[in-house]
Amino acid sequence: MKKDIHPQWYPQAKVTCSCGNTFTTGSTVPEVQVEICSACHPFFTGQMKYIDTAGRVERFQQKQAASVGFKKVTRREKRLLRKLTEEEEEKKRPKSFKELLGKKE
């Protein structure tokens, strides 16, 4: 192996979880802070609990609350709206090359 290209290895790195659990492992940093570990993760504990680190649950609930009162658009309404916009675009398109250049016939 080449010398001086590998990071410093700490065989007794201390890992601290937000639940208060601590343990040691090997790492390239002396101390590691984690949000969830095997002592508090639902998969290992068997208890159902929401893990929300970035406010995702609250953001989802806000979206749901904001959408209350909006009417769901049906397929028929979507098709009609698409047809109307296509007709408007068709009116805006130049009919001839002279019209495209801005000259009157």
PDB file of N, CA and C in Angstrom:
ATOM      1  N   MET A   1       0.837  -1.190   0.000  1.00  0.00           N
ATOM      2  CA  MET A   1       0.000   0.000   0.000  1.00  0.00           C
ATOM      3  C   MET A   1       0.878   1.248   0.000  1.00  0.00           C
ATOM      4  N   LYS A   2       0.368   2.289  -0.574  1.00  0.00           N
ATOM      5  CA  LYS A   2       1.108   3.546  -0.600  1.00  0.00           C
ATOM      6  C   LYS A   2       1.071   4.194   0.774  1.00  0.00           C
ATOM      7  N   LYS A   3       2.117   4.895   1.104  1.00  0.00           N
ATOM      8  CA  LYS A   3       2.191   5.589   2.385  1.00  0.00           C
ATOM      9  C   LYS A   3       1.531   6.960   2.277  1.00  0.00           C
ATOM     10  N   ASP A   4       1.013   7.439   3.391  1.00  0.00           N
ATOM     11  CA  ASP A   4       0.466   8.788   3.552  1.00  0.00           C
ATOM     12  C   ASP A   4      -0.749   9.101   2.671  1.00  0.00           C
ATOM     13  N   ILE A   5      -1.511   8.095   2.248  1.00  0.00           N
ATOM     14  CA  ILE A   5      -2.744   8.386   1.505  1.00  0.00           C
ATOM     15  C   ILE A   5      -3.980   7.953   2.283  1.00  0.00           C
ATOM     16  N   HIS A   6      -3.793   7.192   3.340  1.00  0.00           N
ATOM     17  CA  HIS A   6      -4.921   6.686   4.117  1.00  0.00           C
ATOM     18  C   HIS A   6      -5.165   7.563   5.340  1.00  0.00           C
ATOM     19  N   PRO A   7      -6.429   7.751   5.727  1.00  0.00           N
ATOM     20  CA  PRO A   7      -6.723   8.576   6.909  1.00  0.00           C
ATOM     21  C   PRO A   7      -6.310   7.863   8.200  1.00  0.00           C
ATOM     22  N   GLN A   8      -6.213   8.637   9.264  1.00  0.00           N
ATOM     23  CA  GLN A   8      -5.886   8.099  10.587  1.00  0.00           C
ATOM     24  C   GLN A   8      -6.998   7.153  11.032  1.00  0.00           C
ATOM     25  N   TRP A   9      -6.665   5.994  11.562  1.00  0.00           N
ATOM     26  CA  TRP A   9      -7.634   5.006  12.013  1.00  0.00           C
ATOM     27  C   TRP A   9      -7.693   5.011  13.534  1.00  0.00           C
ATOM     28  N   TYR A  10      -8.894   5.152  14.088  1.00  0.00           N
ATOM     29  CA  TYR A  10      -9.118   5.134  15.526  1.00  0.00           C
ATOM     30  C   TYR A  10      -9.852   3.837  15.875  1.00  0.00           C
ATOM     31  N   PRO A  11      -9.155   2.851  16.448  1.00  0.00           N
ATOM     32  CA  PRO A  11      -9.807   1.570  16.752  1.00  0.00           C
ATOM     33  C   PRO A  11     -10.808   1.654  17.899  1.00  0.00           C
ATOM     34  N   GLN A  12     -10.731   2.662  18.734  1.00  0.00           N
ATOM     35  CA  GLN A  12     -11.651   2.829  19.860  1.00  0.00           C
ATOM     36  C   GLN A  12     -12.456   4.122  19.717  1.00  0.00           C
ATOM     37  N   ALA A  13     -13.077   4.338  18.559  1.00  0.00           N
ATOM     38  CA  ALA A  13     -13.898   5.527  18.335  1.00  0.00           C
ATOM     39  C   ALA A  13     -15.186   5.413  19.139  1.00  0.00           C
ATOM     40  N   LYS A  14     -15.568   6.500  19.802  1.00  0.00           N
ATOM     41  CA  LYS A  14     -16.768   6.508  20.645  1.00  0.00           C
ATOM     42  C   LYS A  14     -17.967   6.973  19.819  1.00  0.00           C
ATOM     43  N   VAL A  15     -19.030   6.170  19.814  1.00  0.00           N
ATOM     44  CA  VAL A  15     -20.260   6.500  19.095  1.00  0.00           C
ATOM     45  C   VAL A  15     -21.325   6.829  20.126  1.00  0.00           C
ATOM     46  N   THR A  16     -21.948   8.006  19.981  1.00  0.00           N
ATOM     47  CA  THR A  16     -22.982   8.458  20.900  1.00  0.00           C
ATOM     48  C   THR A  16     -24.277   8.662  20.123  1.00  0.00           C
ATOM     49  N   CYS A  17     -25.347   8.033  20.610  1.00  0.00           N
ATOM     50  CA  CYS A  17     -26.656   8.162  19.969  1.00  0.00           C
ATOM     51  C   CYS A  17     -27.454   9.263  20.667  1.00  0.00           C
ATOM     52  N   SER A  18     -28.454   9.792  19.978  1.00  0.00           N
ATOM     53  CA  SER A  18     -29.300  10.832  20.577  1.00  0.00           C
ATOM     54  C   SER A  18     -30.148  10.282  21.714  1.00  0.00           C
ATOM     55  N   CYS A  19     -30.326   8.933  21.760  1.00  0.00           N
ATOM     56  CA  CYS A  19     -31.100   8.330  22.854  1.00  0.00           C
ATOM     57  C   CYS A  19     -30.255   8.172  24.120  1.00  0.00           C
ATOM     58  N   GLY A  20     -28.936   8.412  24.014  1.00  0.00           N
ATOM     59  CA  GLY A  20     -28.060   8.307  25.172  1.00  0.00           C
ATOM     60  C   GLY A  20     -27.187   7.070  25.168  1.00  0.00           C
ATOM     61  N   ASN A  21     -27.428   6.150  24.267  1.00  0.00           N
ATOM     62  CA  ASN A  21     -26.628   4.937  24.181  1.00  0.00           C
ATOM     63  C   ASN A  21     -25.244   5.262  23.618  1.00  0.00           C
ATOM     64  N   THR A  22     -24.191   4.652  24.189  1.00  0.00           N
ATOM     65  CA  THR A  22     -22.837   4.828  23.680  1.00  0.00           C
ATOM     66  C   THR A  22     -22.179   3.470  23.505  1.00  0.00           C
ATOM     67  N   PHE A  23     -21.314   3.381  22.502  1.00  0.00           N
ATOM     68  CA  PHE A  23     -20.523   2.173  22.273  1.00  0.00           C
ATOM     69  C   PHE A  23     -19.279   2.567  21.498  1.00  0.00           C
ATOM     70  N   THR A  24     -18.321   1.648  21.404  1.00  0.00           N
ATOM     71  CA  THR A  24     -17.075   1.927  20.697  1.00  0.00           C
ATOM     72  C   THR A  24     -16.967   1.046  19.463  1.00  0.00           C
ATOM     73  N   THR A  25     -16.322   1.587  18.443  1.00  0.00           N
ATOM     74  CA  THR A  25     -16.107   0.877  17.191  1.00  0.00           C
ATOM     75  C   THR A  25     -14.892   1.487  16.504  1.00  0.00           C
ATOM     76  N   GLY A  26     -14.451   0.926  15.420  1.00  0.00           N
ATOM     77  CA  GLY A  26     -13.353   1.500  14.656  1.00  0.00           C
ATOM     78  C   GLY A  26     -13.871   2.511  13.662  1.00  0.00           C
ATOM     79  N   SER A  27     -13.144   3.639  13.518  1.00  0.00           N
ATOM     80  CA  SER A  27     -13.587   4.693  12.611  1.00  0.00           C
ATOM     81  C   SER A  27     -12.407   5.585  12.253  1.00  0.00           C
ATOM     82  N   THR A  28     -12.620   6.456  11.280  1.00  0.00           N
ATOM     83  CA  THR A  28     -11.585   7.411  10.893  1.00  0.00           C
ATOM     84  C   THR A  28     -11.721   8.724  11.654  1.00  0.00           C
ATOM     85  N   VAL A  29     -12.746   8.846  12.499  1.00  0.00           N
ATOM     86  CA  VAL A  29     -12.909  10.007  13.377  1.00  0.00           C
ATOM     87  C   VAL A  29     -12.983   9.507  14.812  1.00  0.00           C
ATOM     88  N   PRO A  30     -12.470  10.271  15.778  1.00  0.00           N
ATOM     89  CA  PRO A  30     -12.435   9.775  17.152  1.00  0.00           C
ATOM     90  C   PRO A  30     -13.803   9.701  17.829  1.00  0.00           C
ATOM     91  N   GLU A  31     -14.746  10.603  17.471  1.00  0.00           N
ATOM     92  CA  GLU A  31     -16.082  10.608  18.072  1.00  0.00           C
ATOM     93  C   GLU A  31     -17.133  10.748  16.975  1.00  0.00           C
ATOM     94  N   VAL A  32     -18.207   9.972  17.099  1.00  0.00           N
ATOM     95  CA  VAL A  32     -19.285   9.984  16.115  1.00  0.00           C
ATOM     96  C   VAL A  32     -20.598  10.226  16.844  1.00  0.00           C
ATOM     97  N   GLN A  33     -21.415  11.164  16.319  1.00  0.00           N
ATOM     98  CA  GLN A  33     -22.752  11.444  16.858  1.00  0.00           C
ATOM     99  C   GLN A  33     -23.768  10.896  15.856  1.00  0.00           C
ATOM    100  N   VAL A  34     -24.665  10.011  16.305  1.00  0.00           N
ATOM    101  CA  VAL A  34     -25.700   9.460  15.430  1.00  0.00           C
ATOM    102  C   VAL A  34     -27.077   9.770  16.008  1.00  0.00           C
ATOM    103  N   GLU A  35     -28.081   9.770  15.134  1.00  0.00           N
ATOM    104  CA  GLU A  35     -29.445  10.085  15.562  1.00  0.00           C
ATOM    105  C   GLU A  35     -30.205   8.848  16.010  1.00  0.00           C
ATOM    106  N   ILE A  36     -29.819   7.690  15.490  1.00  0.00           N
ATOM    107  CA  ILE A  36     -30.527   6.461  15.819  1.00  0.00           C
ATOM    108  C   ILE A  36     -29.534   5.299  15.830  1.00  0.00           C
ATOM    109  N   CYS A  37     -29.728   4.369  16.760  1.00  0.00           N
ATOM    110  CA  CYS A  37     -28.829   3.227  16.887  1.00  0.00           C
ATOM    111  C   CYS A  37     -29.662   1.959  17.064  1.00  0.00           C
ATOM    112  N   SER A  38     -28.998   0.832  17.271  1.00  0.00           N
ATOM    113  CA  SER A  38     -29.719  -0.426  17.416  1.00  0.00           C
ATOM    114  C   SER A  38     -30.517  -0.497  18.713  1.00  0.00           C
ATOM    115  N   ALA A  39     -30.187   0.349  19.692  1.00  0.00           N
ATOM    116  CA  ALA A  39     -30.922   0.338  20.959  1.00  0.00           C
ATOM    117  C   ALA A  39     -32.269   1.065  20.853  1.00  0.00           C
ATOM    118  N   CYS A  40     -32.400   1.973  19.876  1.00  0.00           N
ATOM    119  CA  CYS A  40     -33.648   2.736  19.774  1.00  0.00           C
ATOM    120  C   CYS A  40     -34.340   2.577  18.413  1.00  0.00           C
ATOM    121  N   HIS A  41     -33.764   1.853  17.461  1.00  0.00           N
ATOM    122  CA  HIS A  41     -34.381   1.672  16.148  1.00  0.00           C
ATOM    123  C   HIS A  41     -35.561   0.701  16.256  1.00  0.00           C
ATOM    124  N   PRO A  42     -36.705   1.021  15.635  1.00  0.00           N
ATOM    125  CA  PRO A  42     -37.892   0.171  15.728  1.00  0.00           C
ATOM    126  C   PRO A  42     -37.679  -1.257  15.222  1.00  0.00           C
ATOM    127  N   PHE A  43     -36.797  -1.444  14.256  1.00  0.00           N
ATOM    128  CA  PHE A  43     -36.551  -2.785  13.739  1.00  0.00           C
ATOM    129  C   PHE A  43     -35.976  -3.695  14.825  1.00  0.00           C
ATOM    130  N   PHE A  44     -35.076  -3.148  15.637  1.00  0.00           N
ATOM    131  CA  PHE A  44     -34.432  -3.946  16.679  1.00  0.00           C
ATOM    132  C   PHE A  44     -35.246  -3.998  17.968  1.00  0.00           C
ATOM    133  N   THR A  45     -35.989  -2.941  18.276  1.00  0.00           N
ATOM    134  CA  THR A  45     -36.746  -2.903  19.529  1.00  0.00           C
ATOM    135  C   THR A  45     -38.119  -3.544  19.391  1.00  0.00           C
ATOM    136  N   GLY A  46     -38.692  -3.546  18.190  1.00  0.00           N
ATOM    137  CA  GLY A  46     -40.018  -4.114  17.987  1.00  0.00           C
ATOM    138  C   GLY A  46     -41.132  -3.150  18.355  1.00  0.00           C
ATOM    139  N   GLN A  47     -40.797  -1.940  18.744  1.00  0.00           N
ATOM    140  CA  GLN A  47     -41.802  -0.932  19.095  1.00  0.00           C
ATOM    141  C   GLN A  47     -41.969   0.030  17.933  1.00  0.00           C
ATOM    142  N   MET A  48     -43.221   0.363  17.637  1.00  0.00           N
ATOM    143  CA  MET A  48     -43.505   1.303  16.570  1.00  0.00           C
ATOM    144  C   MET A  48     -43.281   2.716  17.078  1.00  0.00           C
ATOM    145  N   LYS A  49     -42.455   3.478  16.365  1.00  0.00           N
ATOM    146  CA  LYS A  49     -42.231   4.862  16.751  1.00  0.00           C
ATOM    147  C   LYS A  49     -41.835   5.636  15.511  1.00  0.00           C
ATOM    148  N   TYR A  50     -42.298   6.867  15.411  1.00  0.00           N
ATOM    149  CA  TYR A  50     -41.967   7.701  14.270  1.00  0.00           C
ATOM    150  C   TYR A  50     -40.597   8.314  14.487  1.00  0.00           C
ATOM    151  N   ILE A  51     -39.759   8.189  13.465  1.00  0.00           N
ATOM    152  CA  ILE A  51     -38.438   8.794  13.502  1.00  0.00           C
ATOM    153  C   ILE A  51     -38.462   9.928  12.498  1.00  0.00           C
ATOM    154  N   ASP A  52     -38.517  11.131  12.980  1.00  0.00           N
ATOM    155  CA  ASP A  52     -38.660  12.298  12.117  1.00  0.00           C
ATOM    156  C   ASP A  52     -37.502  13.243  12.385  1.00  0.00           C
ATOM    157  N   THR A  53     -36.482  13.168  11.547  1.00  0.00           N
ATOM    158  CA  THR A  53     -35.301  13.993  11.775  1.00  0.00           C
ATOM    159  C   THR A  53     -35.376  15.332  11.064  1.00  0.00           C
ATOM    160  N   ALA A  54     -36.082  15.407   9.959  1.00  0.00           N
ATOM    161  CA  ALA A  54     -36.095  16.640   9.180  1.00  0.00           C
ATOM    162  C   ALA A  54     -37.473  17.286   9.130  1.00  0.00           C
ATOM    163  N   GLY A  55     -38.383  16.933  10.032  1.00  0.00           N
ATOM    164  CA  GLY A  55     -39.707  17.527  10.037  1.00  0.00           C
ATOM    165  C   GLY A  55     -40.577  17.033   8.895  1.00  0.00           C
ATOM    166  N   ARG A  56     -40.330  15.838   8.406  1.00  0.00           N
ATOM    167  CA  ARG A  56     -41.073  15.324   7.256  1.00  0.00           C
ATOM    168  C   ARG A  56     -42.539  15.087   7.588  1.00  0.00           C
ATOM    169  N   VAL A  57     -42.802  14.588   8.790  1.00  0.00           N
ATOM    170  CA  VAL A  57     -44.183  14.303   9.174  1.00  0.00           C
ATOM    171  C   VAL A  57     -44.976  15.602   9.238  1.00  0.00           C
ATOM    172  N   GLU A  58     -44.402  16.625   9.872  1.00  0.00           N
ATOM    173  CA  GLU A  58     -45.103  17.913   9.968  1.00  0.00           C
ATOM    174  C   GLU A  58     -45.309  18.523   8.590  1.00  0.00           C
ATOM    175  N   ARG A  59     -44.309  18.426   7.713  1.00  0.00           N
ATOM    176  CA  ARG A  59     -44.428  18.968   6.372  1.00  0.00           C
ATOM    177  C   ARG A  59     -45.547  18.254   5.609  1.00  0.00           C
ATOM    178  N   PHE A  60     -45.639  16.929   5.762  1.00  0.00           N
ATOM    179  CA  PHE A  60     -46.706  16.164   5.108  1.00  0.00           C
ATOM    180  C   PHE A  60     -48.064  16.578   5.648  1.00  0.00           C
ATOM    181  N   GLN A  61     -48.176  16.748   6.965  1.00  0.00           N
ATOM    182  CA  GLN A  61     -49.447  17.149   7.554  1.00  0.00           C
ATOM    183  C   GLN A  61     -49.848  18.547   7.096  1.00  0.00           C
ATOM    184  N   GLN A  62     -48.883  19.449   6.925  1.00  0.00           N
ATOM    185  CA  GLN A  62     -49.194  20.789   6.433  1.00  0.00           C
ATOM    186  C   GLN A  62     -49.710  20.728   4.995  1.00  0.00           C
ATOM    187  N   LYS A  63     -49.086  19.873   4.162  1.00  0.00           N
ATOM    188  CA  LYS A  63     -49.556  19.719   2.782  1.00  0.00           C
ATOM    189  C   LYS A  63     -50.984  19.201   2.750  1.00  0.00           C
ATOM    190  N   GLN A  64     -51.269  18.212   3.604  1.00  0.00           N
ATOM    191  CA  GLN A  64     -52.609  17.646   3.648  1.00  0.00           C
ATOM    192  C   GLN A  64     -53.627  18.688   4.100  1.00  0.00           C
ATOM    193  N   ALA A  65     -53.266  19.492   5.095  1.00  0.00           N
ATOM    194  CA  ALA A  65     -54.179  20.516   5.592  1.00  0.00           C
ATOM    195  C   ALA A  65     -54.408  21.594   4.536  1.00  0.00           C
ATOM    196  N   ALA A  66     -53.371  21.918   3.758  1.00  0.00           N
ATOM    197  CA  ALA A  66     -53.502  22.945   2.732  1.00  0.00           C
ATOM    198  C   ALA A  66     -54.354  22.470   1.562  1.00  0.00           C
ATOM    199  N   SER A  67     -54.362  21.169   1.309  1.00  0.00           N
ATOM    200  CA  SER A  67     -55.110  20.662   0.157  1.00  0.00           C
ATOM    201  C   SER A  67     -56.596  20.471   0.452  1.00  0.00           C
ATOM    202  N   VAL A  68     -57.007  20.612   1.695  1.00  0.00           N
ATOM    203  CA  VAL A  68     -58.424  20.459   2.033  1.00  0.00           C
ATOM    204  C   VAL A  68     -59.191  21.604   1.378  1.00  0.00           C
ATOM    205  N   GLY A  69     -60.247  21.289   0.694  1.00  0.00           N
ATOM    206  CA  GLY A  69     -61.046  22.305   0.025  1.00  0.00           C
ATOM    207  C   GLY A  69     -60.778  22.395  -1.466  1.00  0.00           C
ATOM    208  N   PHE A  70     -59.668  21.813  -1.948  1.00  0.00           N
ATOM    209  CA  PHE A  70     -59.401  21.803  -3.372  1.00  0.00           C
ATOM    210  C   PHE A  70     -60.254  20.726  -4.030  1.00  0.00           C
ATOM    211  N   LYS A  71     -60.777  21.064  -5.201  1.00  0.00           N
ATOM    212  CA  LYS A  71     -61.615  20.122  -5.931  1.00  0.00           C
ATOM    213  C   LYS A  71     -60.722  19.247  -6.808  1.00  0.00           C
ATOM    214  N   LYS A  72     -61.013  17.969  -6.817  1.00  0.00           N
ATOM    215  CA  LYS A  72     -60.264  17.052  -7.658  1.00  0.00           C
ATOM    216  C   LYS A  72     -60.713  17.248  -9.099  1.00  0.00           C
ATOM    217  N   VAL A  73     -59.745  17.366 -10.008  1.00  0.00           N
ATOM    218  CA  VAL A  73     -60.032  17.591 -11.420  1.00  0.00           C
ATOM    219  C   VAL A  73     -60.216  16.235 -12.090  1.00  0.00           C
ATOM    220  N   THR A  74     -61.330  16.103 -12.814  1.00  0.00           N
ATOM    221  CA  THR A  74     -61.635  14.832 -13.474  1.00  0.00           C
ATOM    222  C   THR A  74     -60.885  14.740 -14.804  1.00  0.00           C
ATOM    223  N   ARG A  75     -60.871  13.540 -15.387  1.00  0.00           N
ATOM    224  CA  ARG A  75     -60.223  13.351 -16.686  1.00  0.00           C
ATOM    225  C   ARG A  75     -60.882  14.195 -17.767  1.00  0.00           C
ATOM    226  N   ARG A  76     -62.190  14.254 -17.695  1.00  0.00           N
ATOM    227  CA  ARG A  76     -62.927  15.031 -18.694  1.00  0.00           C
ATOM    228  C   ARG A  76     -62.533  16.509 -18.629  1.00  0.00           C
ATOM    229  N   GLU A  77     -62.432  17.037 -17.420  1.00  0.00           N
ATOM    230  CA  GLU A  77     -62.043  18.440 -17.254  1.00  0.00           C
ATOM    231  C   GLU A  77     -60.611  18.671 -17.734  1.00  0.00           C
ATOM    232  N   LYS A  78     -59.719  17.708 -17.479  1.00  0.00           N
ATOM    233  CA  LYS A  78     -58.342  17.840 -17.951  1.00  0.00           C
ATOM    234  C   LYS A  78     -58.279  17.868 -19.473  1.00  0.00           C
ATOM    235  N   ARG A  79     -59.035  16.958 -20.116  1.00  0.00           N
ATOM    236  CA  ARG A  79     -59.055  16.926 -21.576  1.00  0.00           C
ATOM    237  C   ARG A  79     -59.586  18.228 -22.153  1.00  0.00           C
ATOM    238  N   LEU A  80     -60.651  18.759 -21.560  1.00  0.00           N
ATOM    239  CA  LEU A  80     -61.240  20.006 -22.023  1.00  0.00           C
ATOM    240  C   LEU A  80     -60.239  21.157 -21.874  1.00  0.00           C
ATOM    241  N   LEU A  81     -59.567  21.202 -20.757  1.00  0.00           N
ATOM    242  CA  LEU A  81     -58.574  22.249 -20.519  1.00  0.00           C
ATOM    243  C   LEU A  81     -57.423  22.136 -21.521  1.00  0.00           C
ATOM    244  N   ARG A  82     -56.965  20.906 -21.778  1.00  0.00           N
ATOM    245  CA  ARG A  82     -55.892  20.697 -22.747  1.00  0.00           C
ATOM    246  C   ARG A  82     -56.335  21.127 -24.140  1.00  0.00           C
ATOM    247  N   LYS A  83     -57.574  20.812 -24.493  1.00  0.00           N
ATOM    248  CA  LYS A  83     -58.093  21.181 -25.807  1.00  0.00           C
ATOM    249  C   LYS A  83     -58.160  22.697 -25.956  1.00  0.00           C
ATOM    250  N   LEU A  84     -58.603  23.383 -24.916  1.00  0.00           N
ATOM    251  CA  LEU A  84     -58.682  24.847 -24.961  1.00  0.00           C
ATOM    252  C   LEU A  84     -57.300  25.472 -25.111  1.00  0.00           C
ATOM    253  N   THR A  85     -56.318  24.960 -24.396  1.00  0.00           N
ATOM    254  CA  THR A  85     -54.965  25.520 -24.517  1.00  0.00           C
ATOM    255  C   THR A  85     -54.373  25.229 -25.885  1.00  0.00           C
ATOM    256  N   GLU A  86     -54.658  24.065 -26.455  1.00  0.00           N
ATOM    257  CA  GLU A  86     -54.173  23.756 -27.805  1.00  0.00           C
ATOM    258  C   GLU A  86     -54.810  24.682 -28.834  1.00  0.00           C
ATOM    259  N   GLU A  87     -56.096  25.004 -28.663  1.00  0.00           N
ATOM    260  CA  GLU A  87     -56.767  25.920 -29.581  1.00  0.00           C
ATOM    261  C   GLU A  87     -56.167  27.319 -29.479  1.00  0.00           C
ATOM    262  N   GLU A  88     -55.843  27.763 -28.263  1.00  0.00           N
ATOM    263  CA  GLU A  88     -55.221  29.075 -28.089  1.00  0.00           C
ATOM    264  C   GLU A  88     -53.847  29.124 -28.739  1.00  0.00           C
ATOM    265  N   GLU A  89     -53.088  28.057 -28.612  1.00  0.00           N
ATOM    266  CA  GLU A  89     -51.770  28.003 -29.237  1.00  0.00           C
ATOM    267  C   GLU A  89     -51.883  27.989 -30.753  1.00  0.00           C
ATOM    268  N   GLU A  90     -52.889  27.319 -31.251  1.00  0.00           N
ATOM    269  CA  GLU A  90     -53.109  27.261 -32.698  1.00  0.00           C
ATOM    270  C   GLU A  90     -53.408  28.656 -33.248  1.00  0.00           C
ATOM    271  N   LYS A  91     -54.165  29.461 -32.504  1.00  0.00           N
ATOM    272  CA  LYS A  91     -54.480  30.827 -32.929  1.00  0.00           C
ATOM    273  C   LYS A  91     -53.233  31.698 -32.956  1.00  0.00           C
ATOM    274  N   LYS A  92     -52.302  31.453 -32.047  1.00  0.00           N
ATOM    275  CA  LYS A  92     -51.089  32.263 -31.965  1.00  0.00           C
ATOM    276  C   LYS A  92     -50.069  31.903 -33.045  1.00  0.00           C
ATOM    277  N   ARG A  93     -50.148  30.680 -33.596  1.00  0.00           N
ATOM    278  CA  ARG A  93     -49.189  30.240 -34.604  1.00  0.00           C
ATOM    279  C   ARG A  93     -49.370  31.014 -35.899  1.00  0.00           C
ATOM    280  N   PRO A  94     -48.267  31.372 -36.538  1.00  0.00           N
ATOM    281  CA  PRO A  94     -48.391  32.076 -37.830  1.00  0.00           C
ATOM    282  C   PRO A  94     -48.954  31.151 -38.897  1.00  0.00           C
ATOM    283  N   LYS A  95     -49.780  31.728 -39.793  1.00  0.00           N
ATOM    284  CA  LYS A  95     -50.430  30.937 -40.823  1.00  0.00           C
ATOM    285  C   LYS A  95     -49.552  30.793 -42.068  1.00  0.00           C
ATOM    286  N   SER A  96     -48.691  31.788 -42.274  1.00  0.00           N
ATOM    287  CA  SER A  96     -47.845  31.733 -43.457  1.00  0.00           C
ATOM    288  C   SER A  96     -46.438  32.201 -43.095  1.00  0.00           C
ATOM    289  N   PHE A  97     -45.532  32.038 -44.072  1.00  0.00           N
ATOM    290  CA  PHE A  97     -44.153  32.437 -43.871  1.00  0.00           C
ATOM    291  C   PHE A  97     -44.039  33.954 -43.764  1.00  0.00           C
ATOM    292  N   LYS A  98     -44.847  34.677 -44.534  1.00  0.00           N
ATOM    293  CA  LYS A  98     -44.819  36.138 -44.486  1.00  0.00           C
ATOM    294  C   LYS A  98     -45.281  36.638 -43.126  1.00  0.00           C
ATOM    295  N   GLU A  99     -46.297  36.000 -42.580  1.00  0.00           N
ATOM    296  CA  GLU A  99     -46.791  36.376 -41.252  1.00  0.00           C
ATOM    297  C   GLU A  99     -45.732  36.106 -40.193  1.00  0.00           C
ATOM    298  N   LEU A 100     -44.968  35.042 -40.401  1.00  0.00           N
ATOM    299  CA  LEU A 100     -43.888  34.705 -39.495  1.00  0.00           C
ATOM    300  C   LEU A 100     -42.820  35.796 -39.479  1.00  0.00           C
ATOM    301  N   LEU A 101     -42.536  36.371 -40.665  1.00  0.00           N
ATOM    302  CA  LEU A 101     -41.544  37.426 -40.772  1.00  0.00           C
ATOM    303  C   LEU A 101     -42.097  38.783 -40.359  1.00  0.00           C
ATOM    304  N   GLY A 102     -43.393  38.900 -40.182  1.00  0.00           N
ATOM    305  CA  GLY A 102     -44.009  40.138 -39.736  1.00  0.00           C
ATOM    306  C   GLY A 102     -44.496  41.008 -40.882  1.00  0.00           C
ATOM    307  N   LYS A 103     -44.504  40.482 -42.077  1.00  0.00           N
ATOM    308  CA  LYS A 103     -44.972  41.246 -43.239  1.00  0.00           C
ATOM    309  C   LYS A 103     -46.442  40.945 -43.477  1.00  0.00           C
ATOM    310  N   LYS A 104     -47.161  41.966 -43.940  1.00  0.00           N
ATOM    311  CA  LYS A 104     -48.575  41.766 -44.261  1.00  0.00           C
ATOM    312  C   LYS A 104     -48.699  41.357 -45.715  1.00  0.00           C
ATOM    313  N   GLU A 105     -49.666  40.519 -45.999  1.00  0.00           N
ATOM    314  CA  GLU A 105     -49.873  40.023 -47.372  1.00  0.00           C
ATOM    315  C   GLU A 105     -50.584  41.040 -48.203  1.00  0.00           C
TER     316      GLU A 105
END
